[in-house]
Structures are given as structure tokens and as C-alpha cells.
């Protein structure tokens, strides 16, 4: 989705274990230190595909191959070029980079022409979107965008903005899903990545087997926290990370169904021994990133209407502020 996302041929830099010349992969913390990046910058570098990672054989998350660090450090312009590539800016700084007003910058982002890579909810409960500075510079220098940067916004686009169009959350979700899929090393993990953007009720509709849902939750990527659980900031962030547009939900449901078909063929979900008295696992909803089962009757007791996408629309409207 990003124009500057980089992929690497694994065969060219080492095997899938990430080891060359006997060197073991290193932790994110150590890799960030050796590359001269703050941890937030390093995480963004991984997100954008600038740094290749591999799963830890010991089950301790992901690590960075030693040869990948060597490759990056040997590149021309290191470390300045790398730091520039992982720089993320907000609306005010982004508008300055593109030499436009903040109002025009926000319109371009709402129209989906500028894709955020990160967001957070500030102390005023306002959503602050961050964009890769390198992509903004590329957008500005593209002659095809001159009219959008200097001219009057076309009437059709103005009408959409007037009707409340804002593609920033959806574009962020699309970009984030691409990152999750690149990190997934197992068909079940790929299915869980798709499921992570869907409401619990939608997942239950697609994955009807409670044992499969329980197994799927074991691979579900953890969510970054935004405020204390149940707070308005946390609820606002939850709405952003959960698909709500009907066509987006339909697309994700279709992708989840296809991913589950692949996962089932790869490895069926574990089930209890037939000689016992099985108690089906269940149930939705659970906090994102957890895998603890609960009785299936609790799953069926939850009112479906309360789990539908868009359930926080009213809250979203009350809390939304233009980011700055």
C-alpha cells in the first residue's frame, strides 16, 4: 500500500532462520541500538518493511537477523538515509513539508490521498494521525499532484468532504493489515491478522466452529493500548482499529473465509479427545490479543446488535477533533 515499502529476497540475504555465518538473530532493542534508532523509529522501520525480521525459534517473538543489520549499516548514506525514511510527522509539520495549509493537508488525507502510518489519541481525546515524511515529499514532487496542491478542490471531491468522507481510519487499517500479513509466518496467523480488524460478531458469522475460533485467537496480534481500558480514548481507538464501512467489512469477511480454508488444510484446529465430555471453547468477545476460552453459552447470550460495527459512532462524533 505504501509506495516506499521495501521487500527483500530472503535467499539473497540469508535463510529463513535469519542466520548467516553462524550469527544468531538479535532482539528489537539491540537492533535499534545498533542502527542508531529510537525504539519508536525502529518499530516504524519494521512496519514499513525497511527492516526484515524473522520469528524467534524459542517462541520469544520476532528478531532481526545479523546479516540484515549488516546490510542496512553498509548502505550508502547510513544512518541519515534510514532516519529520514522512518520519520513520521503530524498535520502541521506535514503541511509545511508539502508547502500547503493545514486545512488543505487535512482534506487530502480525508480523501485518502495521504495514508497515515500511525495514530494516537492525545490528552484532549483528539486523534492525531502521523504520516511518513518521505511519502509526503514524494507526493509533493509528483507533477500529477500539482492541481491538488495549488488548485481548487474539484467539486465532486468537495461534495464528498461535505458529506463527512474521512478515509484516514480505513487507509490506516489497510496499511496495518499489510504489515500484519508480512509478519505472519503461519496460515492461522494470516487468518488471525485479517480477523483482528473485524468485530467479534462478524468473526463468529464467518468462523462458526468454536474450536476454530479459540485456535484463531491464539494467533491474534496484540493491540497497542490507547488510554485505560474502557476509557473514552480507548473506545475511540477501538473504533478506529475495527472495520465499520459495509463494503470494507464484506471484503474482510471474504478474505477471512478464504484464509480459514487455507488454515484448515494446513492444520485443523485442535479438538478434545472423543472419549471425554468435550466443552466447546468460545467465546466472543475477548480482549484483543488474548486466548482464554469461556463457555459458549456466554457467547450466544451477548446481544448481536451491541457488537455491530459502528457501535461507537455517537461517541466517535462527540470526541472527534481535527488533528493538528
Foldseek 3Di string as FASTA:
>chain_A
DDPPQDADDCVVQHHQQLEDPRDHFAALVVLCVLQVHDSLLSVQCLLSNVFDWHADPVRPGITGRPSRSVVQCPDPPPPVVSSLQSDKDWQVVLCVLLVADSVLSQLCQLVVNFEFQDWAQDPLRAIITIGRSVRSNVLSPPPVCVCSRPNDDDPVSVVCVVVPRGCHLVSNLVSNLVSQCSHDPALLLNLLSLCQQEFFLLVCVLVVALLSVLVSQQNHDADDAHDDPPDLSRVLVNLSSHDADVVVSVVSSVVSNVSVVVRCVVPNRDADDPVDDGFRFDDDDDHGNDRDTDHVVVRVPDDPVCRHRCNCVVSNVVSYDDHD
